[in-house]
Amino acid sequence: PTSQGRLTDTLLKDEKSNTVSVVR
């Protein structure tokens, strides 16, 4: 949406599937 910016999220890793998701 913008030409520059900062993304701040909370990430949680699922070790079994080796995938990461954005969580609250």
PDBML (XML) file of the C-alpha atoms, coordinates in Angstrom:
<?xml version="1.0" encoding="UTF-8" ?>
<PDBx:datablock datablockName="MODEL"
   xmlns:PDBx="http://pdbml.pdb.org/schema/pdbx-v50.xsd"
   xmlns:xsi="http://www.w3.org/2001/XMLSchema-instance"
   xsi:schemaLocation="http://pdbml.pdb.org/schema/pdbx-v50.xsd pdbx-v50.xsd">
   <PDBx:atom_siteCategory>
      <PDBx:atom_site id="1">
         <PDBx:B_iso_or_equiv>0.00</PDBx:B_iso_or_equiv>
         <PDBx:Cartn_x>0.000</PDBx:Cartn_x>
         <PDBx:Cartn_y>0.000</PDBx:Cartn_y>
         <PDBx:Cartn_z>0.000</PDBx:Cartn_z>
         <PDBx:auth_asym_id>A</PDBx:auth_asym_id>
         <PDBx:auth_atom_id>CA</PDBx:auth_atom_id>
         <PDBx:auth_comp_id>PRO</PDBx:auth_comp_id>
         <PDBx:auth_seq_id>1</PDBx:auth_seq_id>
         <PDBx:group_PDB>ATOM</PDBx:group_PDB>
         <PDBx:label_alt_id xsi:nil="true" />
         <PDBx:label_asym_id>A</PDBx:label_asym_id>
         <PDBx:label_atom_id>CA</PDBx:label_atom_id>
         <PDBx:label_comp_id>PRO</PDBx:label_comp_id>
         <PDBx:label_entity_id>1</PDBx:label_entity_id>
         <PDBx:label_seq_id>1</PDBx:label_seq_id>
         <PDBx:occupancy>1.00</PDBx:occupancy>
         <PDBx:pdbx_PDB_model_num>1</PDBx:pdbx_PDB_model_num>
         <PDBx:type_symbol>C</PDBx:type_symbol>
      </PDBx:atom_site>
      <PDBx:atom_site id="2">
         <PDBx:B_iso_or_equiv>0.00</PDBx:B_iso_or_equiv>
         <PDBx:Cartn_x>2.913</PDBx:Cartn_x>
         <PDBx:Cartn_y>2.420</PDBx:Cartn_y>
         <PDBx:Cartn_z>0.517</PDBx:Cartn_z>
         <PDBx:auth_asym_id>A</PDBx:auth_asym_id>
         <PDBx:auth_atom_id>CA</PDBx:auth_atom_id>
         <PDBx:auth_comp_id>THR</PDBx:auth_comp_id>
         <PDBx:auth_seq_id>2</PDBx:auth_seq_id>
         <PDBx:group_PDB>ATOM</PDBx:group_PDB>
         <PDBx:label_alt_id xsi:nil="true" />
         <PDBx:label_asym_id>A</PDBx:label_asym_id>
         <PDBx:label_atom_id>CA</PDBx:label_atom_id>
         <PDBx:label_comp_id>THR</PDBx:label_comp_id>
         <PDBx:label_entity_id>1</PDBx:label_entity_id>
         <PDBx:label_seq_id>2</PDBx:label_seq_id>
         <PDBx:occupancy>1.00</PDBx:occupancy>
         <PDBx:pdbx_PDB_model_num>1</PDBx:pdbx_PDB_model_num>
         <PDBx:type_symbol>C</PDBx:type_symbol>
      </PDBx:atom_site>
      <PDBx:atom_site id="3">
         <PDBx:B_iso_or_equiv>0.00</PDBx:B_iso_or_equiv>
         <PDBx:Cartn_x>6.276</PDBx:Cartn_x>
         <PDBx:Cartn_y>2.874</PDBx:Cartn_y>
         <PDBx:Cartn_z>-1.210</PDBx:Cartn_z>
         <PDBx:auth_asym_id>A</PDBx:auth_asym_id>
         <PDBx:auth_atom_id>CA</PDBx:auth_atom_id>
         <PDBx:auth_comp_id>SER</PDBx:auth_comp_id>
         <PDBx:auth_seq_id>3</PDBx:auth_seq_id>
         <PDBx:group_PDB>ATOM</PDBx:group_PDB>
         <PDBx:label_alt_id xsi:nil="true" />
         <PDBx:label_asym_id>A</PDBx:label_asym_id>
         <PDBx:label_atom_id>CA</PDBx:label_atom_id>
         <PDBx:label_comp_id>SER</PDBx:label_comp_id>
         <PDBx:label_entity_id>1</PDBx:label_entity_id>
         <PDBx:label_seq_id>3</PDBx:label_seq_id>
         <PDBx:occupancy>1.00</PDBx:occupancy>
         <PDBx:pdbx_PDB_model_num>1</PDBx:pdbx_PDB_model_num>
         <PDBx:type_symbol>C</PDBx:type_symbol>
      </PDBx:atom_site>
      <PDBx:atom_site id="4">
         <PDBx:B_iso_or_equiv>0.00</PDBx:B_iso_or_equiv>
         <PDBx:Cartn_x>8.065</PDBx:Cartn_x>
         <PDBx:Cartn_y>2.320</PDBx:Cartn_y>
         <PDBx:Cartn_z>2.078</PDBx:Cartn_z>
         <PDBx:auth_asym_id>A</PDBx:auth_asym_id>
         <PDBx:auth_atom_id>CA</PDBx:auth_atom_id>
         <PDBx:auth_comp_id>GLN</PDBx:auth_comp_id>
         <PDBx:auth_seq_id>4</PDBx:auth_seq_id>
         <PDBx:group_PDB>ATOM</PDBx:group_PDB>
         <PDBx:label_alt_id xsi:nil="true" />
         <PDBx:label_asym_id>A</PDBx:label_asym_id>
         <PDBx:label_atom_id>CA</PDBx:label_atom_id>
         <PDBx:label_comp_id>GLN</PDBx:label_comp_id>
         <PDBx:label_entity_id>1</PDBx:label_entity_id>
         <PDBx:label_seq_id>4</PDBx:label_seq_id>
         <PDBx:occupancy>1.00</PDBx:occupancy>
         <PDBx:pdbx_PDB_model_num>1</PDBx:pdbx_PDB_model_num>
         <PDBx:type_symbol>C</PDBx:type_symbol>
      </PDBx:atom_site>
      <PDBx:atom_site id="5">
         <PDBx:B_iso_or_equiv>0.00</PDBx:B_iso_or_equiv>
         <PDBx:Cartn_x>7.070</PDBx:Cartn_x>
         <PDBx:Cartn_y>1.299</PDBx:Cartn_y>
         <PDBx:Cartn_z>5.557</PDBx:Cartn_z>
         <PDBx:auth_asym_id>A</PDBx:auth_asym_id>
         <PDBx:auth_atom_id>CA</PDBx:auth_atom_id>
         <PDBx:auth_comp_id>GLY</PDBx:auth_comp_id>
         <PDBx:auth_seq_id>5</PDBx:auth_seq_id>
         <PDBx:group_PDB>ATOM</PDBx:group_PDB>
         <PDBx:label_alt_id xsi:nil="true" />
         <PDBx:label_asym_id>A</PDBx:label_asym_id>
         <PDBx:label_atom_id>CA</PDBx:label_atom_id>
         <PDBx:label_comp_id>GLY</PDBx:label_comp_id>
         <PDBx:label_entity_id>1</PDBx:label_entity_id>
         <PDBx:label_seq_id>5</PDBx:label_seq_id>
         <PDBx:occupancy>1.00</PDBx:occupancy>
         <PDBx:pdbx_PDB_model_num>1</PDBx:pdbx_PDB_model_num>
         <PDBx:type_symbol>C</PDBx:type_symbol>
      </PDBx:atom_site>
      <PDBx:atom_site id="6">
         <PDBx:B_iso_or_equiv>0.00</PDBx:B_iso_or_equiv>
         <PDBx:Cartn_x>7.624</PDBx:Cartn_x>
         <PDBx:Cartn_y>-0.860</PDBx:Cartn_y>
         <PDBx:Cartn_z>8.619</PDBx:Cartn_z>
         <PDBx:auth_asym_id>A</PDBx:auth_asym_id>
         <PDBx:auth_atom_id>CA</PDBx:auth_atom_id>
         <PDBx:auth_comp_id>ARG</PDBx:auth_comp_id>
         <PDBx:auth_seq_id>6</PDBx:auth_seq_id>
         <PDBx:group_PDB>ATOM</PDBx:group_PDB>
         <PDBx:label_alt_id xsi:nil="true" />
         <PDBx:label_asym_id>A</PDBx:label_asym_id>
         <PDBx:label_atom_id>CA</PDBx:label_atom_id>
         <PDBx:label_comp_id>ARG</PDBx:label_comp_id>
         <PDBx:label_entity_id>1</PDBx:label_entity_id>
         <PDBx:label_seq_id>6</PDBx:label_seq_id>
         <PDBx:occupancy>1.00</PDBx:occupancy>
         <PDBx:pdbx_PDB_model_num>1</PDBx:pdbx_PDB_model_num>
         <PDBx:type_symbol>C</PDBx:type_symbol>
      </PDBx:atom_site>
      <PDBx:atom_site id="7">
         <PDBx:B_iso_or_equiv>0.00</PDBx:B_iso_or_equiv>
         <PDBx:Cartn_x>5.937</PDBx:Cartn_x>
         <PDBx:Cartn_y>-4.190</PDBx:Cartn_y>
         <PDBx:Cartn_z>9.273</PDBx:Cartn_z>
         <PDBx:auth_asym_id>A</PDBx:auth_asym_id>
         <PDBx:auth_atom_id>CA</PDBx:auth_atom_id>
         <PDBx:auth_comp_id>LEU</PDBx:auth_comp_id>
         <PDBx:auth_seq_id>7</PDBx:auth_seq_id>
         <PDBx:group_PDB>ATOM</PDBx:group_PDB>
         <PDBx:label_alt_id xsi:nil="true" />
         <PDBx:label_asym_id>A</PDBx:label_asym_id>
         <PDBx:label_atom_id>CA</PDBx:label_atom_id>
         <PDBx:label_comp_id>LEU</PDBx:label_comp_id>
         <PDBx:label_entity_id>1</PDBx:label_entity_id>
         <PDBx:label_seq_id>7</PDBx:label_seq_id>
         <PDBx:occupancy>1.00</PDBx:occupancy>
         <PDBx:pdbx_PDB_model_num>1</PDBx:pdbx_PDB_model_num>
         <PDBx:type_symbol>C</PDBx:type_symbol>
      </PDBx:atom_site>
      <PDBx:atom_site id="8">
         <PDBx:B_iso_or_equiv>0.00</PDBx:B_iso_or_equiv>
         <PDBx:Cartn_x>5.617</PDBx:Cartn_x>
         <PDBx:Cartn_y>-5.310</PDBx:Cartn_y>
         <PDBx:Cartn_z>12.903</PDBx:Cartn_z>
         <PDBx:auth_asym_id>A</PDBx:auth_asym_id>
         <PDBx:auth_atom_id>CA</PDBx:auth_atom_id>
         <PDBx:auth_comp_id>THR</PDBx:auth_comp_id>
         <PDBx:auth_seq_id>8</PDBx:auth_seq_id>
         <PDBx:group_PDB>ATOM</PDBx:group_PDB>
         <PDBx:label_alt_id xsi:nil="true" />
         <PDBx:label_asym_id>A</PDBx:label_asym_id>
         <PDBx:label_atom_id>CA</PDBx:label_atom_id>
         <PDBx:label_comp_id>THR</PDBx:label_comp_id>
         <PDBx:label_entity_id>1</PDBx:label_entity_id>
         <PDBx:label_seq_id>8</PDBx:label_seq_id>
         <PDBx:occupancy>1.00</PDBx:occupancy>
         <PDBx:pdbx_PDB_model_num>1</PDBx:pdbx_PDB_model_num>
         <PDBx:type_symbol>C</PDBx:type_symbol>
      </PDBx:atom_site>
      <PDBx:atom_site id="9">
         <PDBx:B_iso_or_equiv>0.00</PDBx:B_iso_or_equiv>
         <PDBx:Cartn_x>4.007</PDBx:Cartn_x>
         <PDBx:Cartn_y>-8.667</PDBx:Cartn_y>
         <PDBx:Cartn_z>13.618</PDBx:Cartn_z>
         <PDBx:auth_asym_id>A</PDBx:auth_asym_id>
         <PDBx:auth_atom_id>CA</PDBx:auth_atom_id>
         <PDBx:auth_comp_id>ASP</PDBx:auth_comp_id>
         <PDBx:auth_seq_id>9</PDBx:auth_seq_id>
         <PDBx:group_PDB>ATOM</PDBx:group_PDB>
         <PDBx:label_alt_id xsi:nil="true" />
         <PDBx:label_asym_id>A</PDBx:label_asym_id>
         <PDBx:label_atom_id>CA</PDBx:label_atom_id>
         <PDBx:label_comp_id>ASP</PDBx:label_comp_id>
         <PDBx:label_entity_id>1</PDBx:label_entity_id>
         <PDBx:label_seq_id>9</PDBx:label_seq_id>
         <PDBx:occupancy>1.00</PDBx:occupancy>
         <PDBx:pdbx_PDB_model_num>1</PDBx:pdbx_PDB_model_num>
         <PDBx:type_symbol>C</PDBx:type_symbol>
      </PDBx:atom_site>
      <PDBx:atom_site id="10">
         <PDBx:B_iso_or_equiv>0.00</PDBx:B_iso_or_equiv>
         <PDBx:Cartn_x>4.022</PDBx:Cartn_x>
         <PDBx:Cartn_y>-11.479</PDBx:Cartn_y>
         <PDBx:Cartn_z>16.150</PDBx:Cartn_z>
         <PDBx:auth_asym_id>A</PDBx:auth_asym_id>
         <PDBx:auth_atom_id>CA</PDBx:auth_atom_id>
         <PDBx:auth_comp_id>THR</PDBx:auth_comp_id>
         <PDBx:auth_seq_id>10</PDBx:auth_seq_id>
         <PDBx:group_PDB>ATOM</PDBx:group_PDB>
         <PDBx:label_alt_id xsi:nil="true" />
         <PDBx:label_asym_id>A</PDBx:label_asym_id>
         <PDBx:label_atom_id>CA</PDBx:label_atom_id>
         <PDBx:label_comp_id>THR</PDBx:label_comp_id>
         <PDBx:label_entity_id>1</PDBx:label_entity_id>
         <PDBx:label_seq_id>10</PDBx:label_seq_id>
         <PDBx:occupancy>1.00</PDBx:occupancy>
         <PDBx:pdbx_PDB_model_num>1</PDBx:pdbx_PDB_model_num>
         <PDBx:type_symbol>C</PDBx:type_symbol>
      </PDBx:atom_site>
      <PDBx:atom_site id="11">
         <PDBx:B_iso_or_equiv>0.00</PDBx:B_iso_or_equiv>
         <PDBx:Cartn_x>5.170</PDBx:Cartn_x>
         <PDBx:Cartn_y>-14.758</PDBx:Cartn_y>
         <PDBx:Cartn_z>14.629</PDBx:Cartn_z>
         <PDBx:auth_asym_id>A</PDBx:auth_asym_id>
         <PDBx:auth_atom_id>CA</PDBx:auth_atom_id>
         <PDBx:auth_comp_id>LEU</PDBx:auth_comp_id>
         <PDBx:auth_seq_id>11</PDBx:auth_seq_id>
         <PDBx:group_PDB>ATOM</PDBx:group_PDB>
         <PDBx:label_alt_id xsi:nil="true" />
         <PDBx:label_asym_id>A</PDBx:label_asym_id>
         <PDBx:label_atom_id>CA</PDBx:label_atom_id>
         <PDBx:label_comp_id>LEU</PDBx:label_comp_id>
         <PDBx:label_entity_id>1</PDBx:label_entity_id>
         <PDBx:label_seq_id>11</PDBx:label_seq_id>
         <PDBx:occupancy>1.00</PDBx:occupancy>
         <PDBx:pdbx_PDB_model_num>1</PDBx:pdbx_PDB_model_num>
         <PDBx:type_symbol>C</PDBx:type_symbol>
      </PDBx:atom_site>
      <PDBx:atom_site id="12">
         <PDBx:B_iso_or_equiv>0.00</PDBx:B_iso_or_equiv>
         <PDBx:Cartn_x>4.677</PDBx:Cartn_x>
         <PDBx:Cartn_y>-18.282</PDBx:Cartn_y>
         <PDBx:Cartn_z>15.926</PDBx:Cartn_z>
         <PDBx:auth_asym_id>A</PDBx:auth_asym_id>
         <PDBx:auth_atom_id>CA</PDBx:auth_atom_id>
         <PDBx:auth_comp_id>LEU</PDBx:auth_comp_id>
         <PDBx:auth_seq_id>12</PDBx:auth_seq_id>
         <PDBx:group_PDB>ATOM</PDBx:group_PDB>
         <PDBx:label_alt_id xsi:nil="true" />
         <PDBx:label_asym_id>A</PDBx:label_asym_id>
         <PDBx:label_atom_id>CA</PDBx:label_atom_id>
         <PDBx:label_comp_id>LEU</PDBx:label_comp_id>
         <PDBx:label_entity_id>1</PDBx:label_entity_id>
         <PDBx:label_seq_id>12</PDBx:label_seq_id>
         <PDBx:occupancy>1.00</PDBx:occupancy>
         <PDBx:pdbx_PDB_model_num>1</PDBx:pdbx_PDB_model_num>
         <PDBx:type_symbol>C</PDBx:type_symbol>
      </PDBx:atom_site>
      <PDBx:atom_site id="13">
         <PDBx:B_iso_or_equiv>0.00</PDBx:B_iso_or_equiv>
         <PDBx:Cartn_x>6.628</PDBx:Cartn_x>
         <PDBx:Cartn_y>-21.264</PDBx:Cartn_y>
         <PDBx:Cartn_z>14.608</PDBx:Cartn_z>
         <PDBx:auth_asym_id>A</PDBx:auth_asym_id>
         <PDBx:auth_atom_id>CA</PDBx:auth_atom_id>
         <PDBx:auth_comp_id>LYS</PDBx:auth_comp_id>
         <PDBx:auth_seq_id>13</PDBx:auth_seq_id>
         <PDBx:group_PDB>ATOM</PDBx:group_PDB>
         <PDBx:label_alt_id xsi:nil="true" />
         <PDBx:label_asym_id>A</PDBx:label_asym_id>
         <PDBx:label_atom_id>CA</PDBx:label_atom_id>
         <PDBx:label_comp_id>LYS</PDBx:label_comp_id>
         <PDBx:label_entity_id>1</PDBx:label_entity_id>
         <PDBx:label_seq_id>13</PDBx:label_seq_id>
         <PDBx:occupancy>1.00</PDBx:occupancy>
         <PDBx:pdbx_PDB_model_num>1</PDBx:pdbx_PDB_model_num>
         <PDBx:type_symbol>C</PDBx:type_symbol>
      </PDBx:atom_site>
      <PDBx:atom_site id="14">
         <PDBx:B_iso_or_equiv>0.00</PDBx:B_iso_or_equiv>
         <PDBx:Cartn_x>5.168</PDBx:Cartn_x>
         <PDBx:Cartn_y>-24.761</PDBx:Cartn_y>
         <PDBx:Cartn_z>14.339</PDBx:Cartn_z>
         <PDBx:auth_asym_id>A</PDBx:auth_asym_id>
         <PDBx:auth_atom_id>CA</PDBx:auth_atom_id>
         <PDBx:auth_comp_id>ASP</PDBx:auth_comp_id>
         <PDBx:auth_seq_id>14</PDBx:auth_seq_id>
         <PDBx:group_PDB>ATOM</PDBx:group_PDB>
         <PDBx:label_alt_id xsi:nil="true" />
         <PDBx:label_asym_id>A</PDBx:label_asym_id>
         <PDBx:label_atom_id>CA</PDBx:label_atom_id>
         <PDBx:label_comp_id>ASP</PDBx:label_comp_id>
         <PDBx:label_entity_id>1</PDBx:label_entity_id>
         <PDBx:label_seq_id>14</PDBx:label_seq_id>
         <PDBx:occupancy>1.00</PDBx:occupancy>
         <PDBx:pdbx_PDB_model_num>1</PDBx:pdbx_PDB_model_num>
         <PDBx:type_symbol>C</PDBx:type_symbol>
      </PDBx:atom_site>
      <PDBx:atom_site id="15">
         <PDBx:B_iso_or_equiv>0.00</PDBx:B_iso_or_equiv>
         <PDBx:Cartn_x>8.234</PDBx:Cartn_x>
         <PDBx:Cartn_y>-26.967</PDBx:Cartn_y>
         <PDBx:Cartn_z>14.750</PDBx:Cartn_z>
         <PDBx:auth_asym_id>A</PDBx:auth_asym_id>
         <PDBx:auth_atom_id>CA</PDBx:auth_atom_id>
         <PDBx:auth_comp_id>GLU</PDBx:auth_comp_id>
         <PDBx:auth_seq_id>15</PDBx:auth_seq_id>
         <PDBx:group_PDB>ATOM</PDBx:group_PDB>
         <PDBx:label_alt_id xsi:nil="true" />
         <PDBx:label_asym_id>A</PDBx:label_asym_id>
         <PDBx:label_atom_id>CA</PDBx:label_atom_id>
         <PDBx:label_comp_id>GLU</PDBx:label_comp_id>
         <PDBx:label_entity_id>1</PDBx:label_entity_id>
         <PDBx:label_seq_id>15</PDBx:label_seq_id>
         <PDBx:occupancy>1.00</PDBx:occupancy>
         <PDBx:pdbx_PDB_model_num>1</PDBx:pdbx_PDB_model_num>
         <PDBx:type_symbol>C</PDBx:type_symbol>
      </PDBx:atom_site>
      <PDBx:atom_site id="16">
         <PDBx:B_iso_or_equiv>0.00</PDBx:B_iso_or_equiv>
         <PDBx:Cartn_x>6.441</PDBx:Cartn_x>
         <PDBx:Cartn_y>-30.095</PDBx:Cartn_y>
         <PDBx:Cartn_z>13.482</PDBx:Cartn_z>
         <PDBx:auth_asym_id>A</PDBx:auth_asym_id>
         <PDBx:auth_atom_id>CA</PDBx:auth_atom_id>
         <PDBx:auth_comp_id>LYS</PDBx:auth_comp_id>
         <PDBx:auth_seq_id>16</PDBx:auth_seq_id>
         <PDBx:group_PDB>ATOM</PDBx:group_PDB>
         <PDBx:label_alt_id xsi:nil="true" />
         <PDBx:label_asym_id>A</PDBx:label_asym_id>
         <PDBx:label_atom_id>CA</PDBx:label_atom_id>
         <PDBx:label_comp_id>LYS</PDBx:label_comp_id>
         <PDBx:label_entity_id>1</PDBx:label_entity_id>
         <PDBx:label_seq_id>16</PDBx:label_seq_id>
         <PDBx:occupancy>1.00</PDBx:occupancy>
         <PDBx:pdbx_PDB_model_num>1</PDBx:pdbx_PDB_model_num>
         <PDBx:type_symbol>C</PDBx:type_symbol>
      </PDBx:atom_site>
      <PDBx:atom_site id="17">
         <PDBx:B_iso_or_equiv>0.00</PDBx:B_iso_or_equiv>
         <PDBx:Cartn_x>5.487</PDBx:Cartn_x>
         <PDBx:Cartn_y>-28.617</PDBx:Cartn_y>
         <PDBx:Cartn_z>10.104</PDBx:Cartn_z>
         <PDBx:auth_asym_id>A</PDBx:auth_asym_id>
         <PDBx:auth_atom_id>CA</PDBx:auth_atom_id>
         <PDBx:auth_comp_id>SER</PDBx:auth_comp_id>
         <PDBx:auth_seq_id>17</PDBx:auth_seq_id>
         <PDBx:group_PDB>ATOM</PDBx:group_PDB>
         <PDBx:label_alt_id xsi:nil="true" />
         <PDBx:label_asym_id>A</PDBx:label_asym_id>
         <PDBx:label_atom_id>CA</PDBx:label_atom_id>
         <PDBx:label_comp_id>SER</PDBx:label_comp_id>
         <PDBx:label_entity_id>1</PDBx:label_entity_id>
         <PDBx:label_seq_id>17</PDBx:label_seq_id>
         <PDBx:occupancy>1.00</PDBx:occupancy>
         <PDBx:pdbx_PDB_model_num>1</PDBx:pdbx_PDB_model_num>
         <PDBx:type_symbol>C</PDBx:type_symbol>
      </PDBx:atom_site>
      <PDBx:atom_site id="18">
         <PDBx:B_iso_or_equiv>0.00</PDBx:B_iso_or_equiv>
         <PDBx:Cartn_x>8.387</PDBx:Cartn_x>
         <PDBx:Cartn_y>-26.108</PDBx:Cartn_y>
         <PDBx:Cartn_z>9.999</PDBx:Cartn_z>
         <PDBx:auth_asym_id>A</PDBx:auth_asym_id>
         <PDBx:auth_atom_id>CA</PDBx:auth_atom_id>
         <PDBx:auth_comp_id>ASN</PDBx:auth_comp_id>
         <PDBx:auth_seq_id>18</PDBx:auth_seq_id>
         <PDBx:group_PDB>ATOM</PDBx:group_PDB>
         <PDBx:label_alt_id xsi:nil="true" />
         <PDBx:label_asym_id>A</PDBx:label_asym_id>
         <PDBx:label_atom_id>CA</PDBx:label_atom_id>
         <PDBx:label_comp_id>ASN</PDBx:label_comp_id>
         <PDBx:label_entity_id>1</PDBx:label_entity_id>
         <PDBx:label_seq_id>18</PDBx:label_seq_id>
         <PDBx:occupancy>1.00</PDBx:occupancy>
         <PDBx:pdbx_PDB_model_num>1</PDBx:pdbx_PDB_model_num>
         <PDBx:type_symbol>C</PDBx:type_symbol>
      </PDBx:atom_site>
      <PDBx:atom_site id="19">
         <PDBx:B_iso_or_equiv>0.00</PDBx:B_iso_or_equiv>
         <PDBx:Cartn_x>5.933</PDBx:Cartn_x>
         <PDBx:Cartn_y>-23.321</PDBx:Cartn_y>
         <PDBx:Cartn_z>9.171</PDBx:Cartn_z>
         <PDBx:auth_asym_id>A</PDBx:auth_asym_id>
         <PDBx:auth_atom_id>CA</PDBx:auth_atom_id>
         <PDBx:auth_comp_id>THR</PDBx:auth_comp_id>
         <PDBx:auth_seq_id>19</PDBx:auth_seq_id>
         <PDBx:group_PDB>ATOM</PDBx:group_PDB>
         <PDBx:label_alt_id xsi:nil="true" />
         <PDBx:label_asym_id>A</PDBx:label_asym_id>
         <PDBx:label_atom_id>CA</PDBx:label_atom_id>
         <PDBx:label_comp_id>THR</PDBx:label_comp_id>
         <PDBx:label_entity_id>1</PDBx:label_entity_id>
         <PDBx:label_seq_id>19</PDBx:label_seq_id>
         <PDBx:occupancy>1.00</PDBx:occupancy>
         <PDBx:pdbx_PDB_model_num>1</PDBx:pdbx_PDB_model_num>
         <PDBx:type_symbol>C</PDBx:type_symbol>
      </PDBx:atom_site>
      <PDBx:atom_site id="20">
         <PDBx:B_iso_or_equiv>0.00</PDBx:B_iso_or_equiv>
         <PDBx:Cartn_x>5.472</PDBx:Cartn_x>
         <PDBx:Cartn_y>-19.889</PDBx:Cartn_y>
         <PDBx:Cartn_z>10.702</PDBx:Cartn_z>
         <PDBx:auth_asym_id>A</PDBx:auth_asym_id>
         <PDBx:auth_atom_id>CA</PDBx:auth_atom_id>
         <PDBx:auth_comp_id>VAL</PDBx:auth_comp_id>
         <PDBx:auth_seq_id>20</PDBx:auth_seq_id>
         <PDBx:group_PDB>ATOM</PDBx:group_PDB>
         <PDBx:label_alt_id xsi:nil="true" />
         <PDBx:label_asym_id>A</PDBx:label_asym_id>
         <PDBx:label_atom_id>CA</PDBx:label_atom_id>
         <PDBx:label_comp_id>VAL</PDBx:label_comp_id>
         <PDBx:label_entity_id>1</PDBx:label_entity_id>
         <PDBx:label_seq_id>20</PDBx:label_seq_id>
         <PDBx:occupancy>1.00</PDBx:occupancy>
         <PDBx:pdbx_PDB_model_num>1</PDBx:pdbx_PDB_model_num>
         <PDBx:type_symbol>C</PDBx:type_symbol>
      </PDBx:atom_site>
      <PDBx:atom_site id="21">
         <PDBx:B_iso_or_equiv>0.00</PDBx:B_iso_or_equiv>
         <PDBx:Cartn_x>2.274</PDBx:Cartn_x>
         <PDBx:Cartn_y>-17.868</PDBx:Cartn_y>
         <PDBx:Cartn_z>11.044</PDBx:Cartn_z>
         <PDBx:auth_asym_id>A</PDBx:auth_asym_id>
         <PDBx:auth_atom_id>CA</PDBx:auth_atom_id>
         <PDBx:auth_comp_id>SER</PDBx:auth_comp_id>
         <PDBx:auth_seq_id>21</PDBx:auth_seq_id>
         <PDBx:group_PDB>ATOM</PDBx:group_PDB>
         <PDBx:label_alt_id xsi:nil="true" />
         <PDBx:label_asym_id>A</PDBx:label_asym_id>
         <PDBx:label_atom_id>CA</PDBx:label_atom_id>
         <PDBx:label_comp_id>SER</PDBx:label_comp_id>
         <PDBx:label_entity_id>1</PDBx:label_entity_id>
         <PDBx:label_seq_id>21</PDBx:label_seq_id>
         <PDBx:occupancy>1.00</PDBx:occupancy>
         <PDBx:pdbx_PDB_model_num>1</PDBx:pdbx_PDB_model_num>
         <PDBx:type_symbol>C</PDBx:type_symbol>
      </PDBx:atom_site>
      <PDBx:atom_site id="22">
         <PDBx:B_iso_or_equiv>0.00</PDBx:B_iso_or_equiv>
         <PDBx:Cartn_x>1.262</PDBx:Cartn_x>
         <PDBx:Cartn_y>-14.367</PDBx:Cartn_y>
         <PDBx:Cartn_z>12.109</PDBx:Cartn_z>
         <PDBx:auth_asym_id>A</PDBx:auth_asym_id>
         <PDBx:auth_atom_id>CA</PDBx:auth_atom_id>
         <PDBx:auth_comp_id>VAL</PDBx:auth_comp_id>
         <PDBx:auth_seq_id>22</PDBx:auth_seq_id>
         <PDBx:group_PDB>ATOM</PDBx:group_PDB>
         <PDBx:label_alt_id xsi:nil="true" />
         <PDBx:label_asym_id>A</PDBx:label_asym_id>
         <PDBx:label_atom_id>CA</PDBx:label_atom_id>
         <PDBx:label_comp_id>VAL</PDBx:label_comp_id>
         <PDBx:label_entity_id>1</PDBx:label_entity_id>
         <PDBx:label_seq_id>22</PDBx:label_seq_id>
         <PDBx:occupancy>1.00</PDBx:occupancy>
         <PDBx:pdbx_PDB_model_num>1</PDBx:pdbx_PDB_model_num>
         <PDBx:type_symbol>C</PDBx:type_symbol>
      </PDBx:atom_site>
      <PDBx:atom_site id="23">
         <PDBx:B_iso_or_equiv>0.00</PDBx:B_iso_or_equiv>
         <PDBx:Cartn_x>-0.613</PDBx:Cartn_x>
         <PDBx:Cartn_y>-14.501</PDBx:Cartn_y>
         <PDBx:Cartn_z>15.433</PDBx:Cartn_z>
         <PDBx:auth_asym_id>A</PDBx:auth_asym_id>
         <PDBx:auth_atom_id>CA</PDBx:auth_atom_id>
         <PDBx:auth_comp_id>VAL</PDBx:auth_comp_id>
         <PDBx:auth_seq_id>23</PDBx:auth_seq_id>
         <PDBx:group_PDB>ATOM</PDBx:group_PDB>
         <PDBx:label_alt_id xsi:nil="true" />
         <PDBx:label_asym_id>A</PDBx:label_asym_id>
         <PDBx:label_atom_id>CA</PDBx:label_atom_id>
         <PDBx:label_comp_id>VAL</PDBx:label_comp_id>
         <PDBx:label_entity_id>1</PDBx:label_entity_id>
         <PDBx:label_seq_id>23</PDBx:label_seq_id>
         <PDBx:occupancy>1.00</PDBx:occupancy>
         <PDBx:pdbx_PDB_model_num>1</PDBx:pdbx_PDB_model_num>
         <PDBx:type_symbol>C</PDBx:type_symbol>
      </PDBx:atom_site>
      <PDBx:atom_site id="24">
         <PDBx:B_iso_or_equiv>0.00</PDBx:B_iso_or_equiv>
         <PDBx:Cartn_x>-2.118</PDBx:Cartn_x>
         <PDBx:Cartn_y>-12.032</PDBx:Cartn_y>
         <PDBx:Cartn_z>17.903</PDBx:Cartn_z>
         <PDBx:auth_asym_id>A</PDBx:auth_asym_id>
         <PDBx:auth_atom_id>CA</PDBx:auth_atom_id>
         <PDBx:auth_comp_id>ARG</PDBx:auth_comp_id>
         <PDBx:auth_seq_id>24</PDBx:auth_seq_id>
         <PDBx:group_PDB>ATOM</PDBx:group_PDB>
         <PDBx:label_alt_id xsi:nil="true" />
         <PDBx:label_asym_id>A</PDBx:label_asym_id>
         <PDBx:label_atom_id>CA</PDBx:label_atom_id>
         <PDBx:label_comp_id>ARG</PDBx:label_comp_id>
         <PDBx:label_entity_id>1</PDBx:label_entity_id>
         <PDBx:label_seq_id>24</PDBx:label_seq_id>
         <PDBx:occupancy>1.00</PDBx:occupancy>
         <PDBx:pdbx_PDB_model_num>1</PDBx:pdbx_PDB_model_num>
         <PDBx:type_symbol>C</PDBx:type_symbol>
      </PDBx:atom_site>
   </PDBx:atom_siteCategory>
</PDBx:datablock>
